[in-house]
């Protein structure tokens, strides 16, 4: 599972071995026990990756193989492209710009996206 965390300071990706359902259930229970409001809804999320990183060419070559997992791949300019994924958004309210997006993809795609993000010297927000 990939966990994309959006904060006012930036954007982070984590690669988790836990199942999506188990992770979301734990978060909901935590919110209930702590009295914190939590909005959970199906959504899409996007992030930018630099085109000059290792594995990006592999992602571009294999994008048709990932149909159904990657909603869109859009080239933004000569330096970056946007990757759009479908999954579940968890935030304090429905309009929150800060929160966590989780999605379950094939192991290969999760690993590839995580490696690309990890090797980015400057994270693109």
PDB file of N, CA and C in Angstrom:
ATOM      1  N   UNK A   1       0.843  -1.165   0.000  1.00  0.00           N
ATOM      2  CA  UNK A   1       0.000   0.000   0.000  1.00  0.00           C
ATOM      3  C   UNK A   1       0.894   1.236   0.000  1.00  0.00           C
ATOM      4  N   UNK A   2       0.469   2.246  -0.742  1.00  0.00           N
ATOM      5  CA  UNK A   2       1.162   3.528  -0.705  1.00  0.00           C
ATOM      6  C   UNK A   2       0.362   4.488   0.159  1.00  0.00           C
ATOM      7  N   UNK A   3       1.075   5.239   0.979  1.00  0.00           N
ATOM      8  CA  UNK A   3       0.461   6.267   1.823  1.00  0.00           C
ATOM      9  C   UNK A   3       1.081   7.598   1.431  1.00  0.00           C
ATOM     10  N   UNK A   4       0.262   8.496   0.922  1.00  0.00           N
ATOM     11  CA  UNK A   4       0.706   9.820   0.529  1.00  0.00           C
ATOM     12  C   UNK A   4       0.221  10.795   1.584  1.00  0.00           C
ATOM     13  N   UNK A   5       1.140  11.485   2.231  1.00  0.00           N
ATOM     14  CA  UNK A   5       0.791  12.423   3.292  1.00  0.00           C
ATOM     15  C   UNK A   5       0.988  13.843   2.773  1.00  0.00           C
ATOM     16  N   UNK A   6      -0.088  14.612   2.818  1.00  0.00           N
ATOM     17  CA  UNK A   6      -0.058  16.008   2.386  1.00  0.00           C
ATOM     18  C   UNK A   6      -0.131  16.890   3.625  1.00  0.00           C
ATOM     19  N   UNK A   7       0.912  17.715   3.837  1.00  0.00           N
ATOM     20  CA  UNK A   7       0.948  18.640   4.970  1.00  0.00           C
ATOM     21  C   UNK A   7       1.203  20.047   4.448  1.00  0.00           C
ATOM     22  N   UNK A   8       1.125  21.013   5.333  1.00  0.00           N
ATOM     23  CA  UNK A   8       1.426  22.384   4.907  1.00  0.00           C
ATOM     24  C   UNK A   8       2.918  22.559   4.608  1.00  0.00           C
ATOM     25  N   UNK A   9       3.750  21.620   5.077  1.00  0.00           N
ATOM     26  CA  UNK A   9       5.197  21.676   4.824  1.00  0.00           C
ATOM     27  C   UNK A   9       5.641  20.888   3.606  1.00  0.00           C
ATOM     28  N   UNK A  10       4.767  20.082   3.029  1.00  0.00           N
ATOM     29  CA  UNK A  10       5.193  19.300   1.879  1.00  0.00           C
ATOM     30  C   UNK A  10       4.379  18.038   1.680  1.00  0.00           C
ATOM     31  N   UNK A  11       4.981  17.124   0.987  1.00  0.00           N
ATOM     32  CA  UNK A  11       4.334  15.906   0.541  1.00  0.00           C
ATOM     33  C   UNK A  11       5.293  14.749   0.774  1.00  0.00           C
ATOM     34  N   UNK A  12       4.780  13.640   1.282  1.00  0.00           N
ATOM     35  CA  UNK A  12       5.622  12.484   1.582  1.00  0.00           C
ATOM     36  C   UNK A  12       4.933  11.206   1.138  1.00  0.00           C
ATOM     37  N   UNK A  13       5.723  10.231   0.705  1.00  0.00           N
ATOM     38  CA  UNK A  13       5.190   8.924   0.337  1.00  0.00           C
ATOM     39  C   UNK A  13       5.827   7.873   1.243  1.00  0.00           C
ATOM     40  N   UNK A  14       5.001   6.960   1.730  1.00  0.00           N
ATOM     41  CA  UNK A  14       5.473   5.808   2.488  1.00  0.00           C
ATOM     42  C   UNK A  14       4.960   4.556   1.807  1.00  0.00           C
ATOM     43  N   UNK A  15       5.769   3.533   1.832  1.00  0.00           N
ATOM     44  CA  UNK A  15       5.406   2.226   1.283  1.00  0.00           C
ATOM     45  C   UNK A  15       5.165   1.315   2.474  1.00  0.00           C
ATOM     46  N   UNK A  16       3.921   0.859   2.674  1.00  0.00           N
ATOM     47  CA  UNK A  16       3.560   0.065   3.841  1.00  0.00           C
ATOM     48  C   UNK A  16       3.163  -1.346   3.442  1.00  0.00           C
ATOM     49  N   UNK A  17       3.536  -2.303   4.264  1.00  0.00           N
ATOM     50  CA  UNK A  17       3.187  -3.701   4.013  1.00  0.00           C
ATOM     51  C   UNK A  17       1.778  -4.041   4.494  1.00  0.00           C
ATOM     52  N   UNK A  18       1.226  -3.214   5.363  1.00  0.00           N
ATOM     53  CA  UNK A  18      -0.096  -3.449   5.933  1.00  0.00           C
ATOM     54  C   UNK A  18      -1.171  -3.326   4.856  1.00  0.00           C
ATOM     55  N   UNK A  19      -2.253  -4.063   5.006  1.00  0.00           N
ATOM     56  CA  UNK A  19      -3.340  -3.964   4.025  1.00  0.00           C
ATOM     57  C   UNK A  19      -4.052  -2.622   4.185  1.00  0.00           C
ATOM     58  N   UNK A  20      -4.610  -2.139   3.102  1.00  0.00           N
ATOM     59  CA  UNK A  20      -5.327  -0.873   3.094  1.00  0.00           C
ATOM     60  C   UNK A  20      -6.468  -0.903   4.112  1.00  0.00           C
ATOM     61  N   UNK A  21      -7.240  -1.978   4.113  1.00  0.00           N
ATOM     62  CA  UNK A  21      -8.392  -2.087   5.007  1.00  0.00           C
ATOM     63  C   UNK A  21      -7.976  -2.061   6.468  1.00  0.00           C
ATOM     64  N   UNK A  22      -6.927  -2.790   6.815  1.00  0.00           N
ATOM     65  CA  UNK A  22      -6.453  -2.823   8.204  1.00  0.00           C
ATOM     66  C   UNK A  22      -5.939  -1.456   8.634  1.00  0.00           C
ATOM     67  N   UNK A  23      -5.221  -0.777   7.746  1.00  0.00           N
ATOM     68  CA  UNK A  23      -4.661   0.528   8.085  1.00  0.00           C
ATOM     69  C   UNK A  23      -5.774   1.553   8.287  1.00  0.00           C
ATOM     70  N   UNK A  24      -6.755   1.584   7.385  1.00  0.00           N
ATOM     71  CA  UNK A  24      -7.863   2.537   7.508  1.00  0.00           C
ATOM     72  C   UNK A  24      -8.671   2.238   8.771  1.00  0.00           C
ATOM     73  N   UNK A  25      -8.921   0.976   9.047  1.00  0.00           N
ATOM     74  CA  UNK A  25      -9.661   0.593  10.260  1.00  0.00           C
ATOM     75  C   UNK A  25      -8.952   1.096  11.512  1.00  0.00           C
ATOM     76  N   UNK A  26      -7.645   0.939  11.569  1.00  0.00           N
ATOM     77  CA  UNK A  26      -6.872   1.412  12.712  1.00  0.00           C
ATOM     78  C   UNK A  26      -6.997   2.922  12.864  1.00  0.00           C
ATOM     79  N   UNK A  27      -6.936   3.655  11.757  1.00  0.00           N
ATOM     80  CA  UNK A  27      -7.063   5.121  11.803  1.00  0.00           C
ATOM     81  C   UNK A  27      -8.447   5.551  12.286  1.00  0.00           C
ATOM     82  N   UNK A  28      -9.484   4.852  11.835  1.00  0.00           N
ATOM     83  CA  UNK A  28     -10.847   5.184  12.257  1.00  0.00           C
ATOM     84  C   UNK A  28     -11.006   4.923  13.754  1.00  0.00           C
ATOM     85  N   UNK A  29     -10.513   3.799  14.221  1.00  0.00           N
ATOM     86  CA  UNK A  29     -10.587   3.481  15.654  1.00  0.00           C
ATOM     87  C   UNK A  29      -9.829   4.523  16.465  1.00  0.00           C
ATOM     88  N   UNK A  30      -8.656   4.917  16.002  1.00  0.00           N
ATOM     89  CA  UNK A  30      -7.872   5.944  16.686  1.00  0.00           C
ATOM     90  C   UNK A  30      -8.652   7.252  16.765  1.00  0.00           C
ATOM     91  N   UNK A  31      -9.290   7.656  15.670  1.00  0.00           N
ATOM     92  CA  UNK A  31     -10.083   8.892  15.669  1.00  0.00           C
ATOM     93  C   UNK A  31     -11.260   8.792  16.638  1.00  0.00           C
ATOM     94  N   UNK A  32     -11.921   7.644  16.662  1.00  0.00           N
ATOM     95  CA  UNK A  32     -13.049   7.450  17.582  1.00  0.00           C
ATOM     96  C   UNK A  32     -12.606   7.534  19.037  1.00  0.00           C
ATOM     97  N   UNK A  33     -11.523   6.872  19.352  1.00  0.00           N
ATOM     98  CA  UNK A  33     -11.046   6.845  20.735  1.00  0.00           C
ATOM     99  C   UNK A  33     -10.484   8.179  21.197  1.00  0.00           C
ATOM    100  N   UNK A  34      -9.949   8.951  20.266  1.00  0.00           N
ATOM    101  CA  UNK A  34      -9.368  10.243  20.639  1.00  0.00           C
ATOM    102  C   UNK A  34     -10.353  11.397  20.486  1.00  0.00           C
ATOM    103  N   UNK A  35     -11.535  11.105  19.968  1.00  0.00           N
ATOM    104  CA  UNK A  35     -12.542  12.155  19.796  1.00  0.00           C
ATOM    105  C   UNK A  35     -12.195  13.139  18.689  1.00  0.00           C
ATOM    106  N   UNK A  36     -11.428  12.679  17.724  1.00  0.00           N
ATOM    107  CA  UNK A  36     -11.003  13.517  16.605  1.00  0.00           C
ATOM    108  C   UNK A  36     -11.909  13.273  15.408  1.00  0.00           C
ATOM    109  N   UNK A  37     -12.292  14.353  14.730  1.00  0.00           N
ATOM    110  CA  UNK A  37     -13.121  14.154  13.539  1.00  0.00           C
ATOM    111  C   UNK A  37     -12.257  13.616  12.404  1.00  0.00           C
ATOM    112  N   UNK A  38     -12.865  12.758  11.610  1.00  0.00           N
ATOM    113  CA  UNK A  38     -12.151  12.137  10.498  1.00  0.00           C
ATOM    114  C   UNK A  38     -13.113  11.929   9.341  1.00  0.00           C
ATOM    115  N   UNK A  39     -12.727  12.414   8.193  1.00  0.00           N
ATOM    116  CA  UNK A  39     -13.502  12.214   6.975  1.00  0.00           C
ATOM    117  C   UNK A  39     -12.777  11.154   6.147  1.00  0.00           C
ATOM    118  N   UNK A  40     -13.491  10.109   5.748  1.00  0.00           N
ATOM    119  CA  UNK A  40     -12.921   9.041   4.934  1.00  0.00           C
ATOM    120  C   UNK A  40     -13.782   8.934   3.686  1.00  0.00           C
ATOM    121  N   UNK A  41     -13.154   9.124   2.512  1.00  0.00           N
ATOM    122  CA  UNK A  41     -13.939   9.068   1.289  1.00  0.00           C
ATOM    123  C   UNK A  41     -13.091   8.616   0.105  1.00  0.00           C
ATOM    124  N   UNK A  42     -13.734   7.982  -0.883  1.00  0.00           N
ATOM    125  CA  UNK A  42     -13.016   7.635  -2.110  1.00  0.00           C
ATOM    126  C   UNK A  42     -12.591   8.923  -2.800  1.00  0.00           C
ATOM    127  N   UNK A  43     -11.405   8.915  -3.374  1.00  0.00           N
ATOM    128  CA  UNK A  43     -10.890  10.136  -3.974  1.00  0.00           C
ATOM    129  C   UNK A  43      -9.764   9.814  -4.941  1.00  0.00           C
ATOM    130  N   UNK A  44      -9.235  10.844  -5.533  1.00  0.00           N
ATOM    131  CA  UNK A  44      -8.016  10.705  -6.325  1.00  0.00           C
ATOM    132  C   UNK A  44      -6.993  11.679  -5.763  1.00  0.00           C
ATOM    133  N   UNK A  45      -5.737  11.382  -6.003  1.00  0.00           N
ATOM    134  CA  UNK A  45      -4.655  12.244  -5.543  1.00  0.00           C
ATOM    135  C   UNK A  45      -3.609  12.304  -6.640  1.00  0.00           C
ATOM    136  N   UNK A  46      -2.898  13.396  -6.666  1.00  0.00           N
ATOM    137  CA  UNK A  46      -1.850  13.531  -7.678  1.00  0.00           C
ATOM    138  C   UNK A  46      -0.587  14.078  -7.031  1.00  0.00           C
ATOM    139  N   UNK A  47       0.519  13.799  -7.694  1.00  0.00           N
ATOM    140  CA  UNK A  47       1.800  14.327  -7.255  1.00  0.00           C
ATOM    141  C   UNK A  47       2.706  14.437  -8.462  1.00  0.00           C
ATOM    142  N   UNK A  48       3.705  15.279  -8.329  1.00  0.00           N
ATOM    143  CA  UNK A  48       4.662  15.499  -9.414  1.00  0.00           C
ATOM    144  C   UNK A  48       5.929  14.699  -9.167  1.00  0.00           C
ATOM    145  N   UNK A  49       6.498  14.195 -10.257  1.00  0.00           N
ATOM    146  CA  UNK A  49       7.809  13.561 -10.173  1.00  0.00           C
ATOM    147  C   UNK A  49       8.696  14.155 -11.263  1.00  0.00           C
ATOM    148  N   UNK A  50       9.948  14.252 -10.957  1.00  0.00           N
ATOM    149  CA  UNK A  50      10.927  14.788 -11.886  1.00  0.00           C
ATOM    150  C   UNK A  50      11.208  13.764 -12.986  1.00  0.00           C
ATOM    151  N   UNK A  51      11.305  14.226 -14.217  1.00  0.00           N
ATOM    152  CA  UNK A  51      11.532  13.324 -15.343  1.00  0.00           C
ATOM    153  C   UNK A  51      12.969  12.821 -15.447  1.00  0.00           C
ATOM    154  N   UNK A  52      13.897  13.431 -14.731  1.00  0.00           N
ATOM    155  CA  UNK A  52      15.294  13.015 -14.861  1.00  0.00           C
ATOM    156  C   UNK A  52      15.730  12.009 -13.796  1.00  0.00           C
ATOM    157  N   UNK A  53      14.787  11.394 -13.100  1.00  0.00           N
ATOM    158  CA  UNK A  53      15.119  10.425 -12.061  1.00  0.00           C
ATOM    159  C   UNK A  53      15.199   9.010 -12.618  1.00  0.00           C
ATOM    160  N   UNK A  54      15.972   8.155 -11.923  1.00  0.00           N
ATOM    161  CA  UNK A  54      15.992   6.743 -12.320  1.00  0.00           C
ATOM    162  C   UNK A  54      14.578   6.160 -12.226  1.00  0.00           C
ATOM    163  N   UNK A  55      14.282   5.212 -13.020  1.00  0.00           N
ATOM    164  CA  UNK A  55      13.017   4.470 -13.050  1.00  0.00           C
ATOM    165  C   UNK A  55      11.868   5.212 -13.722  1.00  0.00           C
ATOM    166  N   UNK A  56      11.998   6.511 -13.990  1.00  0.00           N
ATOM    167  CA  UNK A  56      10.903   7.243 -14.639  1.00  0.00           C
ATOM    168  C   UNK A  56      10.674   6.708 -16.042  1.00  0.00           C
ATOM    169  N   UNK A  57      11.757   6.440 -16.771  1.00  0.00           N
ATOM    170  CA  UNK A  57      11.592   5.874 -18.123  1.00  0.00           C
ATOM    171  C   UNK A  57      10.891   4.524 -18.065  1.00  0.00           C
ATOM    172  N   UNK A  58      11.215   3.723 -17.070  1.00  0.00           N
ATOM    173  CA  UNK A  58      10.547   2.432 -16.898  1.00  0.00           C
ATOM    174  C   UNK A  58       9.053   2.642 -16.643  1.00  0.00           C
ATOM    175  N   UNK A  59       8.712   3.621 -15.805  1.00  0.00           N
ATOM    176  CA  UNK A  59       7.311   3.928 -15.531  1.00  0.00           C
ATOM    177  C   UNK A  59       6.604   4.367 -16.816  1.00  0.00           C
ATOM    178  N   UNK A  60       7.237   5.239 -17.575  1.00  0.00           N
ATOM    179  CA  UNK A  60       6.633   5.712 -18.821  1.00  0.00           C
ATOM    180  C   UNK A  60       6.457   4.582 -19.826  1.00  0.00           C
ATOM    181  N   UNK A  61       7.423   3.679 -19.893  1.00  0.00           N
ATOM    182  CA  UNK A  61       7.328   2.546 -20.810  1.00  0.00           C
ATOM    183  C   UNK A  61       6.228   1.567 -20.396  1.00  0.00           C
ATOM    184  N   UNK A  62       6.025   1.420 -19.093  1.00  0.00           N
ATOM    185  CA  UNK A  62       5.078   0.433 -18.574  1.00  0.00           C
ATOM    186  C   UNK A  62       3.698   1.000 -18.254  1.00  0.00           C
ATOM    187  N   UNK A  63       3.465   2.281 -18.536  1.00  0.00           N
ATOM    188  CA  UNK A  63       2.227   2.915 -18.097  1.00  0.00           C
ATOM    189  C   UNK A  63       0.984   2.200 -18.641  1.00  0.00           C
ATOM    190  N   UNK A  64       1.027   1.667 -19.846  1.00  0.00           N
ATOM    191  CA  UNK A  64      -0.131   0.949 -20.377  1.00  0.00           C
ATOM    192  C   UNK A  64      -0.404  -0.332 -19.603  1.00  0.00           C
ATOM    193  N   UNK A  65       0.652  -0.927 -19.082  1.00  0.00           N
ATOM    194  CA  UNK A  65       0.504  -2.132 -18.274  1.00  0.00           C
ATOM    195  C   UNK A  65      -0.204  -1.833 -16.955  1.00  0.00           C
ATOM    196  N   UNK A  66      -0.111  -0.594 -16.502  1.00  0.00           N
ATOM    197  CA  UNK A  66      -0.704  -0.195 -15.228  1.00  0.00           C
ATOM    198  C   UNK A  66      -2.076   0.443 -15.403  1.00  0.00           C
ATOM    199  N   UNK A  67      -2.702   0.293 -16.563  1.00  0.00           N
ATOM    200  CA  UNK A  67      -4.033   0.831 -16.784  1.00  0.00           C
ATOM    201  C   UNK A  67      -4.962   0.292 -15.709  1.00  0.00           C
ATOM    202  N   UNK A  68      -5.734   1.150 -15.130  1.00  0.00           N
ATOM    203  CA  UNK A  68      -6.612   0.758 -14.038  1.00  0.00           C
ATOM    204  C   UNK A  68      -6.013   1.054 -12.674  1.00  0.00           C
ATOM    205  N   UNK A  69      -4.697   1.216 -12.612  1.00  0.00           N
ATOM    206  CA  UNK A  69      -4.042   1.560 -11.353  1.00  0.00           C
ATOM    207  C   UNK A  69      -3.641   3.026 -11.357  1.00  0.00           C
ATOM    208  N   UNK A  70      -3.036   3.459 -12.456  1.00  0.00           N
ATOM    209  CA  UNK A  70      -2.715   4.870 -12.619  1.00  0.00           C
ATOM    210  C   UNK A  70      -3.843   5.457 -13.441  1.00  0.00           C
ATOM    211  N   UNK A  71      -4.494   6.458 -12.903  1.00  0.00           N
ATOM    212  CA  UNK A  71      -5.595   7.078 -13.615  1.00  0.00           C
ATOM    213  C   UNK A  71      -5.060   7.890 -14.790  1.00  0.00           C
ATOM    214  N   UNK A  72      -4.005   8.657 -14.512  1.00  0.00           N
ATOM    215  CA  UNK A  72      -3.430   9.503 -15.551  1.00  0.00           C
ATOM    216  C   UNK A  72      -1.950   9.743 -15.294  1.00  0.00           C
ATOM    217  N   UNK A  73      -1.226   9.932 -16.363  1.00  0.00           N
ATOM    218  CA  UNK A  73       0.146  10.425 -16.299  1.00  0.00           C
ATOM    219  C   UNK A  73       0.209  11.577 -17.286  1.00  0.00           C
ATOM    220  N   UNK A  74       0.457  12.764 -16.766  1.00  0.00           N
ATOM    221  CA  UNK A  74       0.484  13.967 -17.595  1.00  0.00           C
ATOM    222  C   UNK A  74       1.849  14.622 -17.523  1.00  0.00           C
ATOM    223  N   UNK A  75       2.413  14.874 -18.665  1.00  0.00           N
ATOM    224  CA  UNK A  75       3.672  15.613 -18.700  1.00  0.00           C
ATOM    225  C   UNK A  75       3.353  17.084 -18.482  1.00  0.00           C
ATOM    226  N   UNK A  76       3.956  17.669 -17.466  1.00  0.00           N
ATOM    227  CA  UNK A  76       3.688  19.072 -17.122  1.00  0.00           C
ATOM    228  C   UNK A  76       4.561  20.026 -17.927  1.00  0.00           C
ATOM    229  N   UNK A  77       5.825  19.685 -18.028  1.00  0.00           N
ATOM    230  CA  UNK A  77       6.789  20.480 -18.772  1.00  0.00           C
ATOM    231  C   UNK A  77       7.984  19.578 -19.058  1.00  0.00           C
ATOM    232  N   UNK A  78       9.125  20.169 -19.378  1.00  0.00           N
ATOM    233  CA  UNK A  78      10.300  19.369 -19.706  1.00  0.00           C
ATOM    234  C   UNK A  78      10.935  18.718 -18.476  1.00  0.00           C
ATOM    235  N   UNK A  79      10.531  19.145 -17.283  1.00  0.00           N
ATOM    236  CA  UNK A  79      11.173  18.660 -16.062  1.00  0.00           C
ATOM    237  C   UNK A  79      10.323  17.739 -15.205  1.00  0.00           C
ATOM    238  N   UNK A  80       8.998  17.786 -15.349  1.00  0.00           N
ATOM    239  CA  UNK A  80       8.156  17.035 -14.420  1.00  0.00           C
ATOM    240  C   UNK A  80       6.919  16.459 -15.092  1.00  0.00           C
ATOM    241  N   UNK A  81       6.382  15.434 -14.442  1.00  0.00           N
ATOM    242  CA  UNK A  81       5.096  14.887 -14.860  1.00  0.00           C
ATOM    243  C   UNK A  81       4.244  14.642 -13.629  1.00  0.00           C
ATOM    244  N   UNK A  82       2.932  14.637 -13.844  1.00  0.00           N
ATOM    245  CA  UNK A  82       1.977  14.423 -12.776  1.00  0.00           C
ATOM    246  C   UNK A  82       1.451  13.001 -12.864  1.00  0.00           C
ATOM    247  N   UNK A  83       1.390  12.323 -11.716  1.00  0.00           N
ATOM    248  CA  UNK A  83       0.817  10.988 -11.621  1.00  0.00           C
ATOM    249  C   UNK A  83      -0.464  11.112 -10.803  1.00  0.00           C
ATOM    250  N   UNK A  84      -1.577  10.595 -11.340  1.00  0.00           N
ATOM    251  CA  UNK A  84      -2.875  10.659 -10.663  1.00  0.00           C
ATOM    252  C   UNK A  84      -3.303   9.236 -10.303  1.00  0.00           C
ATOM    253  N   UNK A  85      -3.660   9.026  -9.041  1.00  0.00           N
ATOM    254  CA  UNK A  85      -4.048   7.712  -8.537  1.00  0.00           C
ATOM    255  C   UNK A  85      -5.447   7.767  -7.916  1.00  0.00           C
ATOM    256  N   UNK A  86      -6.130   6.639  -7.879  1.00  0.00           N
ATOM    257  CA  UNK A  86      -7.428   6.500  -7.205  1.00  0.00           C
ATOM    258  C   UNK A  86      -7.203   5.787  -5.880  1.00  0.00           C
ATOM    259  N   UNK A  87      -7.924   6.208  -4.848  1.00  0.00           N
ATOM    260  CA  UNK A  87      -7.793   5.561  -3.557  1.00  0.00           C
ATOM    261  C   UNK A  87      -8.742   6.145  -2.543  1.00  0.00           C
ATOM    262  N   UNK A  88      -8.275   6.290  -1.302  1.00  0.00           N
ATOM    263  CA  UNK A  88      -9.091   6.762  -0.191  1.00  0.00           C
ATOM    264  C   UNK A  88      -8.402   7.940   0.483  1.00  0.00           C
ATOM    265  N   UNK A  89      -9.163   9.011   0.703  1.00  0.00           N
ATOM    266  CA  UNK A  89      -8.674  10.211   1.365  1.00  0.00           C
ATOM    267  C   UNK A  89      -9.136  10.215   2.813  1.00  0.00           C
ATOM    268  N   UNK A  90      -8.217  10.520   3.729  1.00  0.00           N
ATOM    269  CA  UNK A  90      -8.538  10.667   5.136  1.00  0.00           C
ATOM    270  C   UNK A  90      -8.067  12.043   5.575  1.00  0.00           C
ATOM    271  N   UNK A  91      -8.998  12.854   6.031  1.00  0.00           N
ATOM    272  CA  UNK A  91      -8.666  14.197   6.476  1.00  0.00           C
ATOM    273  C   UNK A  91      -9.570  14.632   7.610  1.00  0.00           C
ATOM    274  N   UNK A  92      -9.283  15.780   8.172  1.00  0.00           N
ATOM    275  CA  UNK A  92     -10.085  16.271   9.289  1.00  0.00           C
ATOM    276  C   UNK A  92     -11.476  16.702   8.847  1.00  0.00           C
ATOM    277  N   UNK A  93     -11.599  17.144   7.596  1.00  0.00           N
ATOM    278  CA  UNK A  93     -12.915  17.443   7.035  1.00  0.00           C
ATOM    279  C   UNK A  93     -12.846  17.283   5.524  1.00  0.00           C
ATOM    280  N   UNK A  94     -13.990  17.351   4.890  1.00  0.00           N
ATOM    281  CA  UNK A  94     -14.085  17.045   3.465  1.00  0.00           C
ATOM    282  C   UNK A  94     -13.292  18.018   2.586  1.00  0.00           C
ATOM    283  N   UNK A  95     -13.120  19.255   3.037  1.00  0.00           N
ATOM    284  CA  UNK A  95     -12.435  20.267   2.235  1.00  0.00           C
ATOM    285  C   UNK A  95     -10.971  20.457   2.624  1.00  0.00           C
ATOM    286  N   UNK A  96     -10.477  19.642   3.525  1.00  0.00           N
ATOM    287  CA  UNK A  96      -9.114  19.798   4.011  1.00  0.00           C
ATOM    288  C   UNK A  96      -8.086  19.551   2.906  1.00  0.00           C
ATOM    289  N   UNK A  97      -7.078  20.412   2.852  1.00  0.00           N
ATOM    290  CA  UNK A  97      -5.974  20.224   1.915  1.00  0.00           C
ATOM    291  C   UNK A  97      -4.844  19.426   2.542  1.00  0.00           C
ATOM    292  N   UNK A  98      -4.922  19.197   3.836  1.00  0.00           N
ATOM    293  CA  UNK A  98      -3.950  18.384   4.547  1.00  0.00           C
ATOM    294  C   UNK A  98      -4.624  17.083   4.947  1.00  0.00           C
ATOM    295  N   UNK A  99      -3.915  15.992   4.746  1.00  0.00           N
ATOM    296  CA  UNK A  99      -4.472  14.704   5.101  1.00  0.00           C
ATOM    297  C   UNK A  99      -3.639  13.579   4.530  1.00  0.00           C
ATOM    298  N   UNK A 100      -4.241  12.411   4.514  1.00  0.00           N
ATOM    299  CA  UNK A 100      -3.535  11.218   4.052  1.00  0.00           C
ATOM    300  C   UNK A 100      -4.357  10.544   2.970  1.00  0.00           C
ATOM    301  N   UNK A 101      -3.688  10.173   1.908  1.00  0.00           N
ATOM    302  CA  UNK A 101      -4.299   9.439   0.815  1.00  0.00           C
ATOM    303  C   UNK A 101      -3.640   8.066   0.784  1.00  0.00           C
ATOM    304  N   UNK A 102      -4.450   7.016   0.754  1.00  0.00           N
ATOM    305  CA  UNK A 102      -3.908   5.659   0.690  1.00  0.00           C
ATOM    306  C   UNK A 102      -4.491   4.945  -0.521  1.00  0.00           C
ATOM    307  N   UNK A 103      -3.667   4.090  -1.123  1.00  0.00           N
ATOM    308  CA  UNK A 103      -4.139   3.320  -2.270  1.00  0.00           C
ATOM    309  C   UNK A 103      -3.394   1.997  -2.334  1.00  0.00           C
ATOM    310  N   UNK A 104      -4.056   1.025  -2.889  1.00  0.00           N
ATOM    311  CA  UNK A 104      -3.456  -0.293  -3.083  1.00  0.00           C
ATOM    312  C   UNK A 104      -3.255  -0.486  -4.568  1.00  0.00           C
ATOM    313  N   UNK A 105      -2.014  -0.703  -4.951  1.00  0.00           N
ATOM    314  CA  UNK A 105      -1.647  -0.921  -6.343  1.00  0.00           C
ATOM    315  C   UNK A 105      -0.913  -2.252  -6.432  1.00  0.00           C
ATOM    316  N   UNK A 106      -0.527  -2.624  -7.613  1.00  0.00           N
ATOM    317  CA  UNK A 106       0.296  -3.829  -7.729  1.00  0.00           C
ATOM    318  C   UNK A 106       1.619  -3.582  -7.011  1.00  0.00           C
ATOM    319  N   UNK A 107       2.215  -4.646  -6.501  1.00  0.00           N
ATOM    320  CA  UNK A 107       3.489  -4.516  -5.794  1.00  0.00           C
ATOM    321  C   UNK A 107       4.534  -3.826  -6.656  1.00  0.00           C
ATOM    322  N   UNK A 108       4.560  -4.181  -7.930  1.00  0.00           N
ATOM    323  CA  UNK A 108       5.549  -3.605  -8.838  1.00  0.00           C
ATOM    324  C   UNK A 108       5.378  -2.097  -8.984  1.00  0.00           C
ATOM    325  N   UNK A 109       4.133  -1.641  -9.151  1.00  0.00           N
ATOM    326  CA  UNK A 109       3.882  -0.214  -9.318  1.00  0.00           C
ATOM    327  C   UNK A 109       4.138   0.548  -8.020  1.00  0.00           C
ATOM    328  N   UNK A 110       3.714  -0.004  -6.904  1.00  0.00           N
ATOM    329  CA  UNK A 110       3.985   0.652  -5.619  1.00  0.00           C
ATOM    330  C   UNK A 110       5.483   0.827  -5.419  1.00  0.00           C
ATOM    331  N   UNK A 111       6.232  -0.218  -5.675  1.00  0.00           N
ATOM    332  CA  UNK A 111       7.679  -0.171  -5.514  1.00  0.00           C
ATOM    333  C   UNK A 111       8.311   0.845  -6.462  1.00  0.00           C
ATOM    334  N   UNK A 112       7.867   0.850  -7.690  1.00  0.00           N
ATOM    335  CA  UNK A 112       8.408   1.766  -8.698  1.00  0.00           C
ATOM    336  C   UNK A 112       8.152   3.219  -8.315  1.00  0.00           C
ATOM    337  N   UNK A 113       6.926   3.552  -7.944  1.00  0.00           N
ATOM    338  CA  UNK A 113       6.595   4.929  -7.560  1.00  0.00           C
ATOM    339  C   UNK A 113       7.345   5.344  -6.302  1.00  0.00           C
ATOM    340  N   UNK A 114       7.461   4.436  -5.349  1.00  0.00           N
ATOM    341  CA  UNK A 114       8.182   4.747  -4.117  1.00  0.00           C
ATOM    342  C   UNK A 114       9.668   4.983  -4.399  1.00  0.00           C
ATOM    343  N   UNK A 115      10.267   4.156  -5.245  1.00  0.00           N
ATOM    344  CA  UNK A 115      11.685   4.328  -5.591  1.00  0.00           C
ATOM    345  C   UNK A 115      11.917   5.663  -6.293  1.00  0.00           C
ATOM    346  N   UNK A 116      11.039   6.010  -7.204  1.00  0.00           N
ATOM    347  CA  UNK A 116      11.173   7.290  -7.908  1.00  0.00           C
ATOM    348  C   UNK A 116      11.119   8.432  -6.907  1.00  0.00           C
ATOM    349  N   UNK A 117      10.138   8.395  -6.013  1.00  0.00           N
ATOM    350  CA  UNK A 117      10.004   9.475  -5.035  1.00  0.00           C
ATOM    351  C   UNK A 117      11.203   9.524  -4.090  1.00  0.00           C
ATOM    352  N   UNK A 118      11.676   8.360  -3.633  1.00  0.00           N
ATOM    353  CA  UNK A 118      12.828   8.309  -2.721  1.00  0.00           C
ATOM    354  C   UNK A 118      14.078   8.912  -3.334  1.00  0.00           C
ATOM    355  N   UNK A 119      14.262   8.699  -4.621  1.00  0.00           N
ATOM    356  CA  UNK A 119      15.494   9.147  -5.255  1.00  0.00           C
ATOM    357  C   UNK A 119      15.450  10.585  -5.726  1.00  0.00           C
ATOM    358  N   UNK A 120      14.341  11.243  -5.489  1.00  0.00           N
ATOM    359  CA  UNK A 120      14.239  12.652  -5.836  1.00  0.00           C
ATOM    360  C   UNK A 120      15.044  13.473  -4.848  1.00  0.00           C
ATOM    361  N   UNK A 121      16.090  14.180  -5.306  1.00  0.00           N
ATOM    362  CA  UNK A 121      16.918  14.954  -4.395  1.00  0.00           C
ATOM    363  C   UNK A 121      16.147  16.110  -3.768  1.00  0.00           C
ATOM    364  N   UNK A 122      15.246  16.690  -4.530  1.00  0.00           N
ATOM    365  CA  UNK A 122      14.394  17.767  -4.022  1.00  0.00           C
ATOM    366  C   UNK A 122      12.971  17.319  -4.261  1.00  0.00           C
ATOM    367  N   UNK A 123      12.208  17.197  -3.209  1.00  0.00           N
ATOM    368  CA  UNK A 123      10.829  16.760  -3.347  1.00  0.00           C
ATOM    369  C   UNK A 123      10.014  17.877  -3.978  1.00  0.00           C
ATOM    370  N   UNK A 124       9.257  17.541  -5.008  1.00  0.00           N
ATOM    371  CA  UNK A 124       8.417  18.526  -5.698  1.00  0.00           C
ATOM    372  C   UNK A 124       7.083  18.567  -4.981  1.00  0.00           C
ATOM    373  N   UNK A 125       6.703  19.709  -4.465  1.00  0.00           N
ATOM    374  CA  UNK A 125       5.424  19.861  -3.736  1.00  0.00           C
ATOM    375  C   UNK A 125       4.369  20.461  -4.621  1.00  0.00           C
TER     376      UNK A 125
END
